[in-house]
């Protein structure tokens, strides 16, 4: 894993800790992280055909900042994800924003 991938992984794990502190426990997502890198899981999620329940839940909680999609779009990760992935993340966020 590259240095930036490690930073992304750490950022995702920080978001997970905060989710747990808020009472939201994304066990399926954590299971995916046990089998693949955070960057690979993120790409898989944002290119899937459906909006995951976790994204919808974070939207309902007003905490889209903790979503994989939002983290992908953070400036520091711009070079980690190609434009189509970033566009998919942005589109997914647009679908769940009130």
PDB file of N, CA and C in Angstrom:
ATOM      1  N   UNK A   1       0.842  -1.186   0.000  1.00  0.00           N
ATOM      2  CA  UNK A   1       0.000   0.000   0.000  1.00  0.00           C
ATOM      3  C   UNK A   1       0.883   1.245   0.000  1.00  0.00           C
ATOM      4  N   UNK A   2       0.453   2.260  -0.720  1.00  0.00           N
ATOM      5  CA  UNK A   2       1.201   3.510  -0.749  1.00  0.00           C
ATOM      6  C   UNK A   2       0.943   4.296   0.529  1.00  0.00           C
ATOM      7  N   UNK A   3       1.744   5.324   0.725  1.00  0.00           N
ATOM      8  CA  UNK A   3       1.565   6.175   1.895  1.00  0.00           C
ATOM      9  C   UNK A   3       0.193   6.821   1.925  1.00  0.00           C
ATOM     10  N   UNK A   4      -0.273   7.279   0.763  1.00  0.00           N
ATOM     11  CA  UNK A   4      -1.583   7.914   0.703  1.00  0.00           C
ATOM     12  C   UNK A   4      -2.696   6.904   0.979  1.00  0.00           C
ATOM     13  N   UNK A   5      -2.522   5.683   0.511  1.00  0.00           N
ATOM     14  CA  UNK A   5      -3.515   4.637   0.809  1.00  0.00           C
ATOM     15  C   UNK A   5      -3.572   4.366   2.308  1.00  0.00           C
ATOM     16  N   UNK A   6      -2.426   4.393   2.961  1.00  0.00           N
ATOM     17  CA  UNK A   6      -2.392   4.206   4.416  1.00  0.00           C
ATOM     18  C   UNK A   6      -3.106   5.343   5.134  1.00  0.00           C
ATOM     19  N   UNK A   7      -2.921   6.560   4.641  1.00  0.00           N
ATOM     20  CA  UNK A   7      -3.597   7.716   5.240  1.00  0.00           C
ATOM     21  C   UNK A   7      -5.106   7.597   5.036  1.00  0.00           C
ATOM     22  N   UNK A   8      -5.517   7.156   3.830  1.00  0.00           N
ATOM     23  CA  UNK A   8      -6.940   6.950   3.559  1.00  0.00           C
ATOM     24  C   UNK A   8      -7.513   5.887   4.491  1.00  0.00           C
ATOM     25  N   UNK A   9      -6.781   4.800   4.654  1.00  0.00           N
ATOM     26  CA  UNK A   9      -7.210   3.725   5.554  1.00  0.00           C
ATOM     27  C   UNK A   9      -7.412   4.262   6.973  1.00  0.00           C
ATOM     28  N   UNK A  10      -6.463   5.048   7.443  1.00  0.00           N
ATOM     29  CA  UNK A  10      -6.559   5.625   8.793  1.00  0.00           C
ATOM     30  C   UNK A  10      -7.756   6.563   8.900  1.00  0.00           C
ATOM     31  N   UNK A  11      -8.009   7.337   7.852  1.00  0.00           N
ATOM     32  CA  UNK A  11      -9.144   8.274   7.863  1.00  0.00           C
ATOM     33  C   UNK A  11     -10.463   7.507   7.907  1.00  0.00           C
ATOM     34  N   UNK A  12     -10.552   6.421   7.161  1.00  0.00           N
ATOM     35  CA  UNK A  12     -11.755   5.584   7.173  1.00  0.00           C
ATOM     36  C   UNK A  12     -11.955   4.990   8.571  1.00  0.00           C
ATOM     37  N   UNK A  13     -10.893   4.514   9.164  1.00  0.00           N
ATOM     38  CA  UNK A  13     -10.995   3.909  10.504  1.00  0.00           C
ATOM     39  C   UNK A  13     -11.386   4.948  11.548  1.00  0.00           C
ATOM     40  N   UNK A  14     -10.902   6.179  11.411  1.00  0.00           N
ATOM     41  CA  UNK A  14     -11.331   7.257  12.315  1.00  0.00           C
ATOM     42  C   UNK A  14     -12.830   7.505  12.181  1.00  0.00           C
ATOM     43  N   UNK A  15     -13.318   7.508  10.933  1.00  0.00           N
ATOM     44  CA  UNK A  15     -14.747   7.708  10.696  1.00  0.00           C
ATOM     45  C   UNK A  15     -15.557   6.570  11.315  1.00  0.00           C
ATOM     46  N   UNK A  16     -15.042   5.354  11.230  1.00  0.00           N
ATOM     47  CA  UNK A  16     -15.737   4.207  11.838  1.00  0.00           C
ATOM     48  C   UNK A  16     -15.836   4.355  13.351  1.00  0.00           C
ATOM     49  N   UNK A  17     -14.767   4.790  13.967  1.00  0.00           N
ATOM     50  CA  UNK A  17     -14.791   5.008  15.422  1.00  0.00           C
ATOM     51  C   UNK A  17     -15.868   6.021  15.772  1.00  0.00           C
ATOM     52  N   UNK A  18     -15.928   7.100  15.010  1.00  0.00           N
ATOM     53  CA  UNK A  18     -16.937   8.120  15.270  1.00  0.00           C
ATOM     54  C   UNK A  18     -18.350   7.578  15.053  1.00  0.00           C
ATOM     55  N   UNK A  19     -18.523   6.746  14.024  1.00  0.00           N
ATOM     56  CA  UNK A  19     -19.830   6.119  13.798  1.00  0.00           C
ATOM     57  C   UNK A  19     -20.258   5.311  15.023  1.00  0.00           C
ATOM     58  N   UNK A  20     -19.334   4.517  15.546  1.00  0.00           N
ATOM     59  CA  UNK A  20     -19.650   3.716  16.733  1.00  0.00           C
ATOM     60  C   UNK A  20     -20.003   4.602  17.915  1.00  0.00           C
ATOM     61  N   UNK A  21     -19.278   5.690  18.083  1.00  0.00           N
ATOM     62  CA  UNK A  21     -19.559   6.617  19.185  1.00  0.00           C
ATOM     63  C   UNK A  21     -20.951   7.225  19.056  1.00  0.00           C
ATOM     64  N   UNK A  22     -21.439   7.368  17.825  1.00  0.00           N
ATOM     65  CA  UNK A  22     -22.770   7.923  17.570  1.00  0.00           C
ATOM     66  C   UNK A  22     -23.872   6.870  17.644  1.00  0.00           C
ATOM     67  N   UNK A  23     -23.482   5.614  17.853  1.00  0.00           N
ATOM     68  CA  UNK A  23     -24.465   4.542  17.958  1.00  0.00           C
ATOM     69  C   UNK A  23     -24.770   3.841  16.653  1.00  0.00           C
ATOM     70  N   UNK A  24     -24.028   4.148  15.612  1.00  0.00           N
ATOM     71  CA  UNK A  24     -24.201   3.478  14.330  1.00  0.00           C
ATOM     72  C   UNK A  24     -23.049   2.498  14.154  1.00  0.00           C
ATOM     73  N   UNK A  25     -23.384   1.239  13.873  1.00  0.00           N
ATOM     74  CA  UNK A  25     -22.376   0.181  13.821  1.00  0.00           C
ATOM     75  C   UNK A  25     -22.394  -0.496  12.442  1.00  0.00           C
ATOM     76  N   UNK A  26     -21.567  -0.010  11.515  1.00  0.00           N
ATOM     77  CA  UNK A  26     -21.561  -0.552  10.148  1.00  0.00           C
ATOM     78  C   UNK A  26     -20.759  -1.852  10.040  1.00  0.00           C
ATOM     79  N   UNK A  27     -21.307  -2.915  10.592  1.00  0.00           N
ATOM     80  CA  UNK A  27     -20.595  -4.191  10.658  1.00  0.00           C
ATOM     81  C   UNK A  27     -20.276  -4.777   9.281  1.00  0.00           C
ATOM     82  N   UNK A  28     -21.192  -4.643   8.329  1.00  0.00           N
ATOM     83  CA  UNK A  28     -20.929  -5.174   6.988  1.00  0.00           C
ATOM     84  C   UNK A  28     -19.712  -4.491   6.370  1.00  0.00           C
ATOM     85  N   UNK A  29     -19.656  -3.184   6.511  1.00  0.00           N
ATOM     86  CA  UNK A  29     -18.534  -2.425   5.974  1.00  0.00           C
ATOM     87  C   UNK A  29     -17.228  -2.839   6.655  1.00  0.00           C
ATOM     88  N   UNK A  30     -17.278  -3.015   7.954  1.00  0.00           N
ATOM     89  CA  UNK A  30     -16.078  -3.435   8.688  1.00  0.00           C
ATOM     90  C   UNK A  30     -15.631  -4.828   8.240  1.00  0.00           C
ATOM     91  N   UNK A  31     -16.586  -5.682   7.937  1.00  0.00           N
ATOM     92  CA  UNK A  31     -16.254  -7.005   7.426  1.00  0.00           C
ATOM     93  C   UNK A  31     -15.550  -6.931   6.077  1.00  0.00           C
ATOM     94  N   UNK A  32     -15.997  -6.010   5.245  1.00  0.00           N
ATOM     95  CA  UNK A  32     -15.351  -5.823   3.947  1.00  0.00           C
ATOM     96  C   UNK A  32     -13.909  -5.346   4.135  1.00  0.00           C
ATOM     97  N   UNK A  33     -13.694  -4.472   5.109  1.00  0.00           N
ATOM     98  CA  UNK A  33     -12.348  -3.952   5.371  1.00  0.00           C
ATOM     99  C   UNK A  33     -11.405  -5.023   5.904  1.00  0.00           C
ATOM    100  N   UNK A  34     -11.971  -6.060   6.494  1.00  0.00           N
ATOM    101  CA  UNK A  34     -11.133  -7.150   7.002  1.00  0.00           C
ATOM    102  C   UNK A  34     -10.529  -7.962   5.859  1.00  0.00           C
ATOM    103  N   UNK A  35     -11.129  -7.851   4.670  1.00  0.00           N
ATOM    104  CA  UNK A  35     -10.703  -8.660   3.533  1.00  0.00           C
ATOM    105  C   UNK A  35     -10.027  -7.884   2.409  1.00  0.00           C
ATOM    106  N   UNK A  36     -10.039  -6.560   2.480  1.00  0.00           N
ATOM    107  CA  UNK A  36      -9.451  -5.754   1.405  1.00  0.00           C
ATOM    108  C   UNK A  36      -9.076  -4.385   1.952  1.00  0.00           C
ATOM    109  N   UNK A  37      -8.244  -3.683   1.216  1.00  0.00           N
ATOM    110  CA  UNK A  37      -7.833  -2.343   1.642  1.00  0.00           C
ATOM    111  C   UNK A  37      -9.018  -1.385   1.593  1.00  0.00           C
ATOM    112  N   UNK A  38      -8.942  -0.328   2.365  1.00  0.00           N
ATOM    113  CA  UNK A  38     -10.011   0.663   2.401  1.00  0.00           C
ATOM    114  C   UNK A  38     -10.231   1.291   1.025  1.00  0.00           C
ATOM    115  N   UNK A  39      -9.151   1.550   0.295  1.00  0.00           N
ATOM    116  CA  UNK A  39      -9.300   2.140  -1.045  1.00  0.00           C
ATOM    117  C   UNK A  39     -10.047   1.191  -1.980  1.00  0.00           C
ATOM    118  N   UNK A  40      -9.710  -0.080  -1.935  1.00  0.00           N
ATOM    119  CA  UNK A  40     -10.377  -1.064  -2.791  1.00  0.00           C
ATOM    120  C   UNK A  40     -11.859  -1.192  -2.410  1.00  0.00           C
ATOM    121  N   UNK A  41     -12.140  -1.233  -1.118  1.00  0.00           N
ATOM    122  CA  UNK A  41     -13.534  -1.324  -0.663  1.00  0.00           C
ATOM    123  C   UNK A  41     -14.301  -0.077  -1.088  1.00  0.00           C
ATOM    124  N   UNK A  42     -13.678   1.084  -0.943  1.00  0.00           N
ATOM    125  CA  UNK A  42     -14.327   2.344  -1.318  1.00  0.00           C
ATOM    126  C   UNK A  42     -14.699   2.344  -2.793  1.00  0.00           C
ATOM    127  N   UNK A  43     -13.774   1.921  -3.634  1.00  0.00           N
ATOM    128  CA  UNK A  43     -14.046   1.880  -5.074  1.00  0.00           C
ATOM    129  C   UNK A  43     -15.195   0.916  -5.369  1.00  0.00           C
ATOM    130  N   UNK A  44     -15.180  -0.218  -4.724  1.00  0.00           N
ATOM    131  CA  UNK A  44     -16.251  -1.204  -4.930  1.00  0.00           C
ATOM    132  C   UNK A  44     -17.609  -0.618  -4.537  1.00  0.00           C
ATOM    133  N   UNK A  45     -17.651   0.067  -3.408  1.00  0.00           N
ATOM    134  CA  UNK A  45     -18.916   0.623  -2.931  1.00  0.00           C
ATOM    135  C   UNK A  45     -19.449   1.706  -3.853  1.00  0.00           C
ATOM    136  N   UNK A  46     -18.598   2.633  -4.259  1.00  0.00           N
ATOM    137  CA  UNK A  46     -19.113   3.754  -5.052  1.00  0.00           C
ATOM    138  C   UNK A  46     -19.416   3.378  -6.491  1.00  0.00           C
ATOM    139  N   UNK A  47     -18.926   2.227  -6.940  1.00  0.00           N
ATOM    140  CA  UNK A  47     -19.230   1.806  -8.309  1.00  0.00           C
ATOM    141  C   UNK A  47     -20.311   0.724  -8.353  1.00  0.00           C
ATOM    142  N   UNK A  48     -20.844   0.379  -7.188  1.00  0.00           N
ATOM    143  CA  UNK A  48     -21.932  -0.604  -7.172  1.00  0.00           C
ATOM    144  C   UNK A  48     -23.212   0.058  -7.676  1.00  0.00           C
ATOM    145  N   UNK A  49     -24.153  -0.739  -8.059  1.00  0.00           N
ATOM    146  CA  UNK A  49     -25.370  -0.224  -8.654  1.00  0.00           C
ATOM    147  C   UNK A  49     -26.388   0.329  -7.679  1.00  0.00           C
ATOM    148  N   UNK A  50     -26.185   0.120  -6.407  1.00  0.00           N
ATOM    149  CA  UNK A  50     -27.203   0.558  -5.453  1.00  0.00           C
ATOM    150  C   UNK A  50     -26.595   1.453  -4.382  1.00  0.00           C
ATOM    151  N   UNK A  51     -27.458   2.244  -3.765  1.00  0.00           N
ATOM    152  CA  UNK A  51     -27.023   3.071  -2.646  1.00  0.00           C
ATOM    153  C   UNK A  51     -27.085   2.220  -1.382  1.00  0.00           C
ATOM    154  N   UNK A  52     -25.965   2.084  -0.702  1.00  0.00           N
ATOM    155  CA  UNK A  52     -25.910   1.250   0.490  1.00  0.00           C
ATOM    156  C   UNK A  52     -26.731   1.864   1.630  1.00  0.00           C
ATOM    157  N   UNK A  53     -27.237   0.991   2.475  1.00  0.00           N
ATOM    158  CA  UNK A  53     -28.036   1.444   3.613  1.00  0.00           C
ATOM    159  C   UNK A  53     -27.215   2.330   4.545  1.00  0.00           C
ATOM    160  N   UNK A  54     -25.912   2.073   4.625  1.00  0.00           N
ATOM    161  CA  UNK A  54     -25.056   2.890   5.487  1.00  0.00           C
ATOM    162  C   UNK A  54     -24.995   4.334   5.042  1.00  0.00           C
ATOM    163  N   UNK A  55     -24.937   4.560   3.748  1.00  0.00           N
ATOM    164  CA  UNK A  55     -24.932   5.929   3.226  1.00  0.00           C
ATOM    165  C   UNK A  55     -26.249   6.614   3.554  1.00  0.00           C
ATOM    166  N   UNK A  56     -27.331   5.887   3.382  1.00  0.00           N
ATOM    167  CA  UNK A  56     -28.649   6.444   3.705  1.00  0.00           C
ATOM    168  C   UNK A  56     -28.750   6.760   5.194  1.00  0.00           C
ATOM    169  N   UNK A  57     -28.239   5.863   6.026  1.00  0.00           N
ATOM    170  CA  UNK A  57     -28.271   6.065   7.478  1.00  0.00           C
ATOM    171  C   UNK A  57     -27.464   7.300   7.875  1.00  0.00           C
ATOM    172  N   UNK A  58     -26.266   7.440   7.317  1.00  0.00           N
ATOM    173  CA  UNK A  58     -25.445   8.608   7.637  1.00  0.00           C
ATOM    174  C   UNK A  58     -26.122   9.895   7.180  1.00  0.00           C
ATOM    175  N   UNK A  59     -26.830   9.831   6.064  1.00  0.00           N
ATOM    176  CA  UNK A  59     -27.584  10.997   5.601  1.00  0.00           C
ATOM    177  C   UNK A  59     -28.683  11.359   6.596  1.00  0.00           C
ATOM    178  N   UNK A  60     -29.416  10.347   7.057  1.00  0.00           N
ATOM    179  CA  UNK A  60     -30.476  10.580   8.045  1.00  0.00           C
ATOM    180  C   UNK A  60     -29.922  11.167   9.341  1.00  0.00           C
ATOM    181  N   UNK A  61     -28.710  10.768   9.675  1.00  0.00           N
ATOM    182  CA  UNK A  61     -28.069  11.248  10.899  1.00  0.00           C
ATOM    183  C   UNK A  61     -27.444  12.637  10.712  1.00  0.00           C
ATOM    184  N   UNK A  62     -27.427  13.120   9.471  1.00  0.00           N
ATOM    185  CA  UNK A  62     -26.789  14.396   9.198  1.00  0.00           C
ATOM    186  C   UNK A  62     -25.273  14.320   9.278  1.00  0.00           C
ATOM    187  N   UNK A  63     -24.724  13.133   8.997  1.00  0.00           N
ATOM    188  CA  UNK A  63     -23.278  12.920   9.122  1.00  0.00           C
ATOM    189  C   UNK A  63     -22.676  12.315   7.860  1.00  0.00           C
ATOM    190  N   UNK A  64     -23.026  12.876   6.727  1.00  0.00           N
ATOM    191  CA  UNK A  64     -22.440  12.401   5.475  1.00  0.00           C
ATOM    192  C   UNK A  64     -20.930  12.596   5.443  1.00  0.00           C
ATOM    193  N   UNK A  65     -20.413  13.462   6.315  1.00  0.00           N
ATOM    194  CA  UNK A  65     -18.965  13.662   6.386  1.00  0.00           C
ATOM    195  C   UNK A  65     -18.235  12.386   6.787  1.00  0.00           C
ATOM    196  N   UNK A  66     -18.946  11.439   7.379  1.00  0.00           N
ATOM    197  CA  UNK A  66     -18.347  10.170   7.787  1.00  0.00           C
ATOM    198  C   UNK A  66     -18.469   9.088   6.710  1.00  0.00           C
ATOM    199  N   UNK A  67     -19.091   9.410   5.604  1.00  0.00           N
ATOM    200  CA  UNK A  67     -19.297   8.416   4.548  1.00  0.00           C
ATOM    201  C   UNK A  67     -18.036   8.222   3.720  1.00  0.00           C
ATOM    202  N   UNK A  68     -17.926   7.039   3.162  1.00  0.00           N
ATOM    203  CA  UNK A  68     -16.822   6.724   2.259  1.00  0.00           C
ATOM    204  C   UNK A  68     -16.803   7.726   1.109  1.00  0.00           C
ATOM    205  N   UNK A  69     -17.984   8.051   0.611  1.00  0.00           N
ATOM    206  CA  UNK A  69     -18.085   8.967  -0.522  1.00  0.00           C
ATOM    207  C   UNK A  69     -17.484  10.329  -0.188  1.00  0.00           C
ATOM    208  N   UNK A  70     -17.834  10.857   0.966  1.00  0.00           N
ATOM    209  CA  UNK A  70     -17.298  12.165   1.369  1.00  0.00           C
ATOM    210  C   UNK A  70     -15.791  12.110   1.582  1.00  0.00           C
ATOM    211  N   UNK A  71     -15.327  11.035   2.156  1.00  0.00           N
ATOM    212  CA  UNK A  71     -13.889  10.912   2.419  1.00  0.00           C
ATOM    213  C   UNK A  71     -13.121  10.797   1.107  1.00  0.00           C
ATOM    214  N   UNK A  72     -13.659  10.057   0.143  1.00  0.00           N
ATOM    215  CA  UNK A  72     -13.034   9.975  -1.181  1.00  0.00           C
ATOM    216  C   UNK A  72     -12.837  11.379  -1.758  1.00  0.00           C
ATOM    217  N   UNK A  73     -13.808  12.250  -1.534  1.00  0.00           N
ATOM    218  CA  UNK A  73     -13.785  13.589  -2.127  1.00  0.00           C
ATOM    219  C   UNK A  73     -12.939  14.591  -1.349  1.00  0.00           C
ATOM    220  N   UNK A  74     -12.383  14.191  -0.203  1.00  0.00           N
ATOM    221  CA  UNK A  74     -11.511  15.101   0.528  1.00  0.00           C
ATOM    222  C   UNK A  74     -10.297  15.424  -0.349  1.00  0.00           C
ATOM    223  N   UNK A  75      -9.906  16.673  -0.347  1.00  0.00           N
ATOM    224  CA  UNK A  75      -8.820  17.161  -1.208  1.00  0.00           C
ATOM    225  C   UNK A  75      -7.561  16.319  -1.097  1.00  0.00           C
ATOM    226  N   UNK A  76      -7.222  15.901   0.104  1.00  0.00           N
ATOM    227  CA  UNK A  76      -5.986  15.142   0.287  1.00  0.00           C
ATOM    228  C   UNK A  76      -5.967  13.811  -0.464  1.00  0.00           C
ATOM    229  N   UNK A  77      -7.140  13.300  -0.851  1.00  0.00           N
ATOM    230  CA  UNK A  77      -7.211  12.010  -1.534  1.00  0.00           C
ATOM    231  C   UNK A  77      -7.479  12.138  -3.033  1.00  0.00           C
ATOM    232  N   UNK A  78      -7.407  13.353  -3.546  1.00  0.00           N
ATOM    233  CA  UNK A  78      -7.705  13.583  -4.960  1.00  0.00           C
ATOM    234  C   UNK A  78      -6.838  12.732  -5.884  1.00  0.00           C
ATOM    235  N   UNK A  79      -5.569  12.584  -5.561  1.00  0.00           N
ATOM    236  CA  UNK A  79      -4.686  11.812  -6.446  1.00  0.00           C
ATOM    237  C   UNK A  79      -4.826  10.299  -6.262  1.00  0.00           C
ATOM    238  N   UNK A  80      -5.525   9.888  -5.223  1.00  0.00           N
ATOM    239  CA  UNK A  80      -5.696   8.457  -4.964  1.00  0.00           C
ATOM    240  C   UNK A  80      -6.811   7.857  -5.816  1.00  0.00           C
ATOM    241  N   UNK A  81      -7.820   8.676  -6.130  1.00  0.00           N
ATOM    242  CA  UNK A  81      -8.988   8.181  -6.864  1.00  0.00           C
ATOM    243  C   UNK A  81      -9.140   8.914  -8.190  1.00  0.00           C
ATOM    244  N   UNK A  82      -9.304   8.163  -9.257  1.00  0.00           N
ATOM    245  CA  UNK A  82      -9.469   8.747 -10.588  1.00  0.00           C
ATOM    246  C   UNK A  82     -10.802   9.485 -10.673  1.00  0.00           C
ATOM    247  N   UNK A  83     -10.904  10.354 -11.648  1.00  0.00           N
ATOM    248  CA  UNK A  83     -12.087  11.200 -11.820  1.00  0.00           C
ATOM    249  C   UNK A  83     -13.396  10.415 -11.854  1.00  0.00           C
ATOM    250  N   UNK A  84     -13.497   9.290 -12.578  1.00  0.00           N
ATOM    251  CA  UNK A  84     -14.781   8.566 -12.578  1.00  0.00           C
ATOM    252  C   UNK A  84     -15.202   8.087 -11.178  1.00  0.00           C
ATOM    253  N   UNK A  85     -14.248   7.721 -10.356  1.00  0.00           N
ATOM    254  CA  UNK A  85     -14.571   7.281  -8.991  1.00  0.00           C
ATOM    255  C   UNK A  85     -15.042   8.465  -8.170  1.00  0.00           C
ATOM    256  N   UNK A  86     -14.350   9.584  -8.309  1.00  0.00           N
ATOM    257  CA  UNK A  86     -14.744  10.800  -7.581  1.00  0.00           C
ATOM    258  C   UNK A  86     -16.126  11.270  -8.055  1.00  0.00           C
ATOM    259  N   UNK A  87     -16.372  11.190  -9.360  1.00  0.00           N
ATOM    260  CA  UNK A  87     -17.680  11.573  -9.892  1.00  0.00           C
ATOM    261  C   UNK A  87     -18.782  10.660  -9.353  1.00  0.00           C
ATOM    262  N   UNK A  88     -18.497   9.362  -9.265  1.00  0.00           N
ATOM    263  CA  UNK A  88     -19.477   8.414  -8.725  1.00  0.00           C
ATOM    264  C   UNK A  88     -19.762   8.725  -7.255  1.00  0.00           C
ATOM    265  N   UNK A  89     -18.730   9.051  -6.507  1.00  0.00           N
ATOM    266  CA  UNK A  89     -18.916   9.393  -5.091  1.00  0.00           C
ATOM    267  C   UNK A  89     -19.789  10.649  -4.968  1.00  0.00           C
ATOM    268  N   UNK A  90     -19.496  11.644  -5.787  1.00  0.00           N
ATOM    269  CA  UNK A  90     -20.269  12.897  -5.759  1.00  0.00           C
ATOM    270  C   UNK A  90     -21.727  12.628  -6.132  1.00  0.00           C
ATOM    271  N   UNK A  91     -21.948  11.805  -7.169  1.00  0.00           N
ATOM    272  CA  UNK A  91     -23.309  11.488  -7.594  1.00  0.00           C
ATOM    273  C   UNK A  91     -24.075  10.803  -6.473  1.00  0.00           C
ATOM    274  N   UNK A  92     -23.439   9.865  -5.791  1.00  0.00           N
ATOM    275  CA  UNK A  92     -24.094   9.125  -4.707  1.00  0.00           C
ATOM    276  C   UNK A  92     -24.477  10.066  -3.573  1.00  0.00           C
ATOM    277  N   UNK A  93     -23.594  10.982  -3.244  1.00  0.00           N
ATOM    278  CA  UNK A  93     -23.914  11.954  -2.204  1.00  0.00           C
ATOM    279  C   UNK A  93     -25.098  12.822  -2.618  1.00  0.00           C
ATOM    280  N   UNK A  94     -25.120  13.226  -3.881  1.00  0.00           N
ATOM    281  CA  UNK A  94     -26.243  14.046  -4.382  1.00  0.00           C
ATOM    282  C   UNK A  94     -27.562  13.301  -4.243  1.00  0.00           C
ATOM    283  N   UNK A  95     -27.548  11.980  -4.370  1.00  0.00           N
ATOM    284  CA  UNK A  95     -28.778  11.191  -4.295  1.00  0.00           C
ATOM    285  C   UNK A  95     -29.376  11.144  -2.883  1.00  0.00           C
ATOM    286  N   UNK A  96     -28.544  11.299  -1.873  1.00  0.00           N
ATOM    287  CA  UNK A  96     -29.047  11.172  -0.500  1.00  0.00           C
ATOM    288  C   UNK A  96     -29.098  12.491   0.263  1.00  0.00           C
ATOM    289  N   UNK A  97     -28.615  13.560  -0.354  1.00  0.00           N
ATOM    290  CA  UNK A  97     -28.667  14.858   0.327  1.00  0.00           C
ATOM    291  C   UNK A  97     -30.089  15.357   0.357  1.00  0.00           C
ATOM    292  N   UNK A  98     -30.513  15.863   1.514  1.00  0.00           N
ATOM    293  CA  UNK A  98     -31.893  16.360   1.622  1.00  0.00           C
ATOM    294  C   UNK A  98     -32.124  17.614   0.788  1.00  0.00           C
TER     295      UNK A  98
END
